[in-house]
Amino acid sequence: MEFKRTKYNHSYLNIAPLVDVVFLLLLFFMLTSHLVEEPSVKVQLPESRTAITDKQTVPTVVITKEGVVYFMNQQVSIKELREIVKDSLSKAGQKRIRIKADRDVKLSLLISVIDEIRLAGVRDFSIVTIKGD
């Protein structure tokens, strides 16, 4: 009696190129995420235990320790801040602003900036802090 031998076709999927592509994508996103930087005006933010990190691109007002006010990396005076914020936000269609004030800035200056932002029609603003103890 003669037995018939069956041949098995082993087909398999080579996943090495797929792993290479996934590794390259991972590497690309890791490297490009470090290139996203905050505006170039340096301030020491106050600490808060309830600080939340916000990675969205939102127009930012920066107040330095010396009392200099910047809007979107351009130095402005408090008197012209209202009009610049109005014009900028009407073009962008946004009604939200972040305020980054140095921890040593005078409270009266911060209140003046908040008043000008509110008079420009912005009701949704946040004061940026860093996470502390």
N, C-alpha and C. Protein backbone atom coordinates (compact mmCIF):
# COMPACT_ATOMS: atom_id res chain seq x y z
N MET A 1 0.83 -1.16 0.00
CA MET A 1 0.00 0.00 0.00
C MET A 1 0.89 1.24 0.00
N GLU A 2 0.52 2.13 -0.83
CA GLU A 2 1.32 3.33 -0.99
C GLU A 2 0.54 4.51 -0.41
N PHE A 3 1.25 5.26 0.46
CA PHE A 3 0.61 6.44 1.07
C PHE A 3 0.98 7.69 0.29
N LYS A 4 -0.01 8.55 0.16
CA LYS A 4 0.23 9.80 -0.55
C LYS A 4 0.72 10.85 0.46
N ARG A 5 1.82 11.41 0.15
CA ARG A 5 2.41 12.41 1.02
C ARG A 5 1.86 13.79 0.64
N THR A 6 1.40 14.56 1.61
CA THR A 6 0.90 15.91 1.32
C THR A 6 1.98 16.92 1.60
N LYS A 7 2.07 17.85 0.69
CA LYS A 7 3.03 18.94 0.87
C LYS A 7 2.32 20.15 1.46
N TYR A 8 2.94 20.70 2.47
CA TYR A 8 2.37 21.89 3.08
C TYR A 8 3.09 23.12 2.54
N ASN A 9 2.30 24.08 2.11
CA ASN A 9 2.86 25.37 1.71
C ASN A 9 2.84 26.29 2.93
N HIS A 10 3.98 26.59 3.43
CA HIS A 10 4.06 27.50 4.56
C HIS A 10 4.19 28.91 4.03
N SER A 11 3.14 29.69 4.20
CA SER A 11 3.23 31.09 3.81
C SER A 11 3.22 31.92 5.09
N TYR A 12 4.03 32.89 5.10
CA TYR A 12 4.11 33.72 6.29
C TYR A 12 4.27 35.18 5.85
N LEU A 13 3.97 36.06 6.76
CA LEU A 13 4.04 37.48 6.50
C LEU A 13 5.30 38.03 7.15
N ASN A 14 6.12 38.63 6.36
CA ASN A 14 7.35 39.21 6.87
C ASN A 14 7.03 40.58 7.47
N ILE A 15 7.15 40.72 8.79
CA ILE A 15 6.79 41.98 9.44
C ILE A 15 8.00 42.88 9.70
N ALA A 16 9.16 42.49 9.26
CA ALA A 16 10.35 43.32 9.50
C ALA A 16 10.22 44.70 8.86
N PRO A 17 9.74 44.84 7.62
CA PRO A 17 9.58 46.19 7.06
C PRO A 17 8.54 47.01 7.83
N LEU A 18 7.50 46.36 8.34
CA LEU A 18 6.49 47.06 9.12
C LEU A 18 7.09 47.60 10.42
N VAL A 19 7.91 46.82 11.06
CA VAL A 19 8.56 47.25 12.29
C VAL A 19 9.50 48.41 12.00
N ASP A 20 10.19 48.36 10.88
CA ASP A 20 11.08 49.47 10.49
C ASP A 20 10.31 50.76 10.30
N VAL A 21 9.17 50.70 9.63
CA VAL A 21 8.37 51.89 9.38
C VAL A 21 7.83 52.46 10.69
N VAL A 22 7.34 51.61 11.56
CA VAL A 22 6.82 52.07 12.84
C VAL A 22 7.93 52.70 13.67
N PHE A 23 9.11 52.10 13.66
CA PHE A 23 10.24 52.66 14.40
C PHE A 23 10.62 54.04 13.84
N LEU A 24 10.64 54.20 12.53
CA LEU A 24 10.98 55.48 11.92
C LEU A 24 9.94 56.55 12.25
N LEU A 25 8.67 56.18 12.25
CA LEU A 25 7.63 57.14 12.62
C LEU A 25 7.77 57.57 14.08
N LEU A 26 8.03 56.62 14.93
CA LEU A 26 8.23 56.93 16.35
C LEU A 26 9.41 57.86 16.54
N LEU A 27 10.49 57.58 15.87
CA LEU A 27 11.69 58.41 15.95
C LEU A 27 11.42 59.82 15.42
N PHE A 28 10.70 59.92 14.31
CA PHE A 28 10.37 61.22 13.74
C PHE A 28 9.57 62.07 14.71
N PHE A 29 8.52 61.51 15.31
CA PHE A 29 7.69 62.28 16.23
C PHE A 29 8.42 62.62 17.52
N MET A 30 9.30 61.75 17.97
CA MET A 30 10.07 62.07 19.17
C MET A 30 11.03 63.23 18.92
N LEU A 31 11.65 63.26 17.77
CA LEU A 31 12.60 64.32 17.48
C LEU A 31 11.92 65.64 17.19
N THR A 32 10.80 65.63 16.49
CA THR A 32 10.14 66.89 16.15
C THR A 32 9.39 67.49 17.33
N SER A 33 9.01 66.68 18.30
CA SER A 33 8.30 67.24 19.46
C SER A 33 9.23 68.12 20.30
N HIS A 34 10.52 67.89 20.24
CA HIS A 34 11.46 68.72 21.01
C HIS A 34 11.73 70.05 20.32
N LEU A 35 11.34 70.19 19.07
CA LEU A 35 11.57 71.43 18.35
C LEU A 35 10.49 72.47 18.62
N VAL A 36 9.37 72.07 19.22
CA VAL A 36 8.31 73.00 19.56
C VAL A 36 8.72 73.74 20.82
N GLU A 37 8.86 75.05 20.72
CA GLU A 37 9.32 75.83 21.86
C GLU A 37 8.32 76.91 22.21
N GLU A 38 8.39 77.34 23.42
CA GLU A 38 7.59 78.44 23.90
C GLU A 38 8.20 79.76 23.40
N PRO A 39 7.48 80.85 23.52
CA PRO A 39 8.03 82.14 23.10
C PRO A 39 9.35 82.45 23.80
N SER A 40 10.13 83.33 23.21
CA SER A 40 11.50 83.54 23.66
C SER A 40 11.64 84.46 24.86
N VAL A 41 10.57 85.07 25.34
CA VAL A 41 10.65 85.94 26.50
C VAL A 41 10.70 85.05 27.74
N LYS A 42 11.76 85.19 28.53
CA LYS A 42 11.96 84.33 29.70
C LYS A 42 11.38 84.98 30.95
N VAL A 43 10.51 84.25 31.62
CA VAL A 43 9.96 84.69 32.90
C VAL A 43 9.99 83.52 33.86
N GLN A 44 10.07 83.82 35.15
CA GLN A 44 9.97 82.79 36.18
C GLN A 44 8.53 82.76 36.63
N LEU A 45 7.82 81.71 36.25
CA LEU A 45 6.41 81.62 36.57
C LEU A 45 6.21 81.27 38.04
N PRO A 46 5.12 81.75 38.62
CA PRO A 46 4.83 81.36 40.01
C PRO A 46 4.43 79.89 40.07
N GLU A 47 4.58 79.30 41.24
CA GLU A 47 4.25 77.89 41.43
C GLU A 47 2.82 77.75 41.95
N SER A 48 2.20 76.65 41.54
CA SER A 48 0.85 76.33 42.00
C SER A 48 0.73 74.82 42.11
N ARG A 49 0.04 74.34 43.15
CA ARG A 49 -0.15 72.90 43.29
C ARG A 49 -1.20 72.36 42.33
N THR A 50 -2.02 73.24 41.76
CA THR A 50 -3.09 72.80 40.87
C THR A 50 -2.84 73.20 39.43
N ALA A 51 -1.60 73.45 39.07
CA ALA A 51 -1.27 73.87 37.71
C ALA A 51 -1.58 72.75 36.71
N ILE A 52 -2.09 73.15 35.55
CA ILE A 52 -2.42 72.21 34.48
C ILE A 52 -1.60 72.59 33.26
N THR A 53 -0.98 71.59 32.62
CA THR A 53 -0.21 71.87 31.42
C THR A 53 -1.15 71.98 30.24
N ASP A 54 -0.94 73.02 29.45
CA ASP A 54 -1.79 73.29 28.29
C ASP A 54 -0.89 73.43 27.08
N LYS A 55 -1.02 72.51 26.13
CA LYS A 55 -0.14 72.49 24.97
C LYS A 55 -0.78 73.12 23.74
N GLN A 56 -1.91 73.76 23.90
CA GLN A 56 -2.56 74.37 22.76
C GLN A 56 -1.86 75.68 22.40
N THR A 57 -2.00 76.05 21.15
CA THR A 57 -1.45 77.32 20.72
C THR A 57 -2.49 78.41 20.97
N VAL A 58 -2.23 79.19 21.97
CA VAL A 58 -3.15 80.25 22.39
C VAL A 58 -2.36 81.55 22.44
N PRO A 59 -2.96 82.67 21.99
CA PRO A 59 -2.25 83.95 22.12
C PRO A 59 -1.84 84.21 23.56
N THR A 60 -0.63 84.73 23.73
CA THR A 60 -0.06 84.86 25.07
C THR A 60 0.40 86.29 25.34
N VAL A 61 0.08 86.78 26.52
CA VAL A 61 0.60 88.05 27.02
C VAL A 61 1.64 87.69 28.07
N VAL A 62 2.84 88.23 27.93
CA VAL A 62 3.93 87.96 28.87
C VAL A 62 4.30 89.26 29.57
N ILE A 63 4.43 89.19 30.90
CA ILE A 63 4.85 90.34 31.70
C ILE A 63 6.15 89.96 32.39
N THR A 64 7.22 90.70 32.10
CA THR A 64 8.51 90.40 32.69
C THR A 64 8.65 91.03 34.07
N LYS A 65 9.72 90.65 34.77
CA LYS A 65 9.99 91.18 36.11
C LYS A 65 10.17 92.70 36.07
N GLU A 66 10.71 93.21 34.97
CA GLU A 66 10.95 94.65 34.84
C GLU A 66 9.67 95.43 34.52
N GLY A 67 8.57 94.74 34.24
CA GLY A 67 7.31 95.40 33.94
C GLY A 67 7.07 95.61 32.46
N VAL A 68 7.83 94.94 31.62
CA VAL A 68 7.65 95.06 30.17
C VAL A 68 6.59 94.06 29.74
N VAL A 69 5.65 94.51 28.90
CA VAL A 69 4.54 93.67 28.46
C VAL A 69 4.77 93.27 27.00
N TYR A 70 4.61 91.98 26.71
CA TYR A 70 4.74 91.45 25.36
C TYR A 70 3.44 90.76 24.98
N PHE A 71 3.01 90.96 23.75
CA PHE A 71 1.89 90.20 23.20
C PHE A 71 2.38 89.49 21.96
N MET A 72 2.37 88.17 22.00
CA MET A 72 2.84 87.34 20.89
C MET A 72 4.26 87.73 20.48
N ASN A 73 5.15 87.85 21.48
CA ASN A 73 6.57 88.16 21.32
C ASN A 73 6.87 89.56 20.79
N GLN A 74 5.89 90.46 20.82
CA GLN A 74 6.12 91.85 20.43
C GLN A 74 5.86 92.74 21.63
N GLN A 75 6.83 93.61 21.91
CA GLN A 75 6.69 94.49 23.05
C GLN A 75 5.60 95.52 22.78
N VAL A 76 4.70 95.68 23.75
CA VAL A 76 3.61 96.64 23.63
C VAL A 76 3.49 97.41 24.93
N SER A 77 2.86 98.56 24.86
CA SER A 77 2.57 99.30 26.08
C SER A 77 1.17 98.91 26.54
N ILE A 78 0.86 99.19 27.78
CA ILE A 78 -0.45 98.83 28.30
C ILE A 78 -1.54 99.61 27.58
N LYS A 79 -1.24 100.82 27.19
CA LYS A 79 -2.25 101.65 26.51
C LYS A 79 -2.64 101.08 25.15
N GLU A 80 -1.70 100.49 24.45
CA GLU A 80 -2.03 99.93 23.13
C GLU A 80 -2.38 98.44 23.17
N LEU A 81 -2.30 97.83 24.34
CA LEU A 81 -2.57 96.39 24.45
C LEU A 81 -4.01 96.06 24.06
N ARG A 82 -4.96 96.88 24.48
CA ARG A 82 -6.37 96.60 24.20
C ARG A 82 -6.64 96.52 22.71
N GLU A 83 -6.17 97.50 21.95
CA GLU A 83 -6.42 97.52 20.50
C GLU A 83 -5.70 96.37 19.78
N ILE A 84 -4.48 96.08 20.20
CA ILE A 84 -3.73 95.00 19.57
C ILE A 84 -4.41 93.65 19.83
N VAL A 85 -4.89 93.45 21.04
CA VAL A 85 -5.59 92.20 21.37
C VAL A 85 -6.89 92.10 20.57
N LYS A 86 -7.64 93.20 20.48
CA LYS A 86 -8.88 93.20 19.71
C LYS A 86 -8.63 92.82 18.26
N ASP A 87 -7.64 93.49 17.64
CA ASP A 87 -7.34 93.23 16.23
C ASP A 87 -6.86 91.80 16.02
N SER A 88 -5.97 91.35 16.88
CA SER A 88 -5.39 90.01 16.72
C SER A 88 -6.43 88.91 16.88
N LEU A 89 -7.28 89.04 17.88
CA LEU A 89 -8.25 87.99 18.15
C LEU A 89 -9.40 88.01 17.15
N SER A 90 -9.73 89.18 16.61
CA SER A 90 -10.79 89.21 15.59
C SER A 90 -10.31 88.54 14.30
N LYS A 91 -9.03 88.69 13.99
CA LYS A 91 -8.48 88.01 12.80
C LYS A 91 -8.40 86.51 13.01
N ALA A 92 -8.01 86.10 14.21
CA ALA A 92 -7.83 84.67 14.50
C ALA A 92 -9.15 83.97 14.83
N GLY A 93 -10.16 84.74 15.19
CA GLY A 93 -11.43 84.13 15.55
C GLY A 93 -11.41 83.44 16.89
N GLN A 94 -10.50 83.84 17.76
CA GLN A 94 -10.38 83.24 19.08
C GLN A 94 -10.77 84.24 20.14
N LYS A 95 -11.23 83.75 21.26
CA LYS A 95 -11.58 84.61 22.39
C LYS A 95 -10.92 84.10 23.66
N ARG A 96 -9.69 83.60 23.54
CA ARG A 96 -9.00 83.04 24.69
C ARG A 96 -7.56 83.53 24.70
N ILE A 97 -7.04 83.87 25.89
CA ILE A 97 -5.67 84.38 26.03
C ILE A 97 -5.05 83.77 27.28
N ARG A 98 -3.73 83.52 27.19
CA ARG A 98 -2.95 83.10 28.36
C ARG A 98 -2.12 84.29 28.83
N ILE A 99 -1.98 84.42 30.13
CA ILE A 99 -1.15 85.47 30.72
C ILE A 99 -0.01 84.79 31.46
N LYS A 100 1.22 85.11 31.06
CA LYS A 100 2.41 84.60 31.75
C LYS A 100 3.07 85.79 32.43
N ALA A 101 2.94 85.85 33.73
CA ALA A 101 3.53 86.94 34.50
C ALA A 101 4.64 86.39 35.38
N ASP A 102 5.75 87.11 35.43
CA ASP A 102 6.85 86.72 36.29
C ASP A 102 6.37 86.72 37.73
N ARG A 103 6.95 85.86 38.55
CA ARG A 103 6.50 85.76 39.94
C ARG A 103 6.77 87.02 40.74
N ASP A 104 7.70 87.87 40.28
CA ASP A 104 8.04 89.09 41.01
C ASP A 104 7.36 90.33 40.45
N VAL A 105 6.43 90.17 39.53
CA VAL A 105 5.77 91.33 38.92
C VAL A 105 4.80 91.95 39.94
N LYS A 106 4.61 93.26 39.85
CA LYS A 106 3.70 93.94 40.77
C LYS A 106 2.26 93.55 40.44
N LEU A 107 1.49 93.36 41.48
CA LEU A 107 0.10 92.97 41.32
C LEU A 107 -0.70 94.03 40.57
N SER A 108 -0.38 95.30 40.79
CA SER A 108 -1.11 96.38 40.12
C SER A 108 -0.92 96.32 38.60
N LEU A 109 0.28 95.95 38.16
CA LEU A 109 0.54 95.80 36.73
C LEU A 109 -0.25 94.63 36.15
N LEU A 110 -0.29 93.53 36.87
CA LEU A 110 -1.05 92.37 36.42
C LEU A 110 -2.54 92.70 36.31
N ILE A 111 -3.07 93.42 37.28
CA ILE A 111 -4.49 93.81 37.26
C ILE A 111 -4.75 94.75 36.08
N SER A 112 -3.82 95.65 35.79
CA SER A 112 -3.98 96.55 34.64
C SER A 112 -4.03 95.77 33.33
N VAL A 113 -3.17 94.79 33.20
CA VAL A 113 -3.17 93.96 31.99
C VAL A 113 -4.47 93.18 31.87
N ILE A 114 -4.95 92.61 32.98
CA ILE A 114 -6.22 91.87 32.96
C ILE A 114 -7.36 92.80 32.57
N ASP A 115 -7.36 94.03 33.10
CA ASP A 115 -8.41 94.99 32.74
C ASP A 115 -8.40 95.29 31.24
N GLU A 116 -7.22 95.50 30.68
CA GLU A 116 -7.13 95.81 29.25
C GLU A 116 -7.59 94.63 28.40
N ILE A 117 -7.28 93.43 28.85
CA ILE A 117 -7.71 92.23 28.12
C ILE A 117 -9.23 92.10 28.18
N ARG A 118 -9.80 92.36 29.34
CA ARG A 118 -11.27 92.29 29.46
C ARG A 118 -11.94 93.39 28.64
N LEU A 119 -11.37 94.58 28.64
CA LEU A 119 -11.93 95.67 27.84
C LEU A 119 -11.83 95.39 26.34
N ALA A 120 -10.91 94.52 25.96
CA ALA A 120 -10.79 94.13 24.54
C ALA A 120 -11.85 93.09 24.17
N GLY A 121 -12.64 92.64 25.13
CA GLY A 121 -13.72 91.70 24.84
C GLY A 121 -13.40 90.25 25.16
N VAL A 122 -12.27 90.01 25.81
CA VAL A 122 -11.88 88.64 26.15
C VAL A 122 -12.37 88.32 27.55
N ARG A 123 -13.16 87.28 27.68
CA ARG A 123 -13.64 86.84 28.99
C ARG A 123 -12.96 85.56 29.43
N ASP A 124 -12.39 84.82 28.49
CA ASP A 124 -11.76 83.54 28.80
C ASP A 124 -10.24 83.72 28.76
N PHE A 125 -9.64 83.90 29.92
CA PHE A 125 -8.20 84.02 30.00
C PHE A 125 -7.72 83.18 31.18
N SER A 126 -6.44 82.81 31.11
CA SER A 126 -5.86 82.02 32.20
C SER A 126 -4.50 82.59 32.54
N ILE A 127 -4.14 82.48 33.81
CA ILE A 127 -2.82 82.90 34.27
C ILE A 127 -1.99 81.63 34.41
N VAL A 128 -0.87 81.58 33.69
CA VAL A 128 -0.05 80.38 33.60
C VAL A 128 0.86 80.30 34.83
N THR A 129 0.89 79.10 35.43
CA THR A 129 1.79 78.82 36.54
C THR A 129 2.51 77.50 36.25
N ILE A 130 3.49 77.20 37.08
CA ILE A 130 4.15 75.90 36.97
C ILE A 130 3.74 75.04 38.14
N LYS A 131 3.84 73.73 37.94
CA LYS A 131 3.45 72.78 38.98
C LYS A 131 4.47 72.83 40.12
N GLY A 132 3.99 73.06 41.31
CA GLY A 132 4.86 73.13 42.49
C GLY A 132 4.58 71.98 43.43
N ASP A 133 5.08 72.12 44.65
CA ASP A 133 4.90 71.07 45.66
C ASP A 133 3.45 70.92 45.90
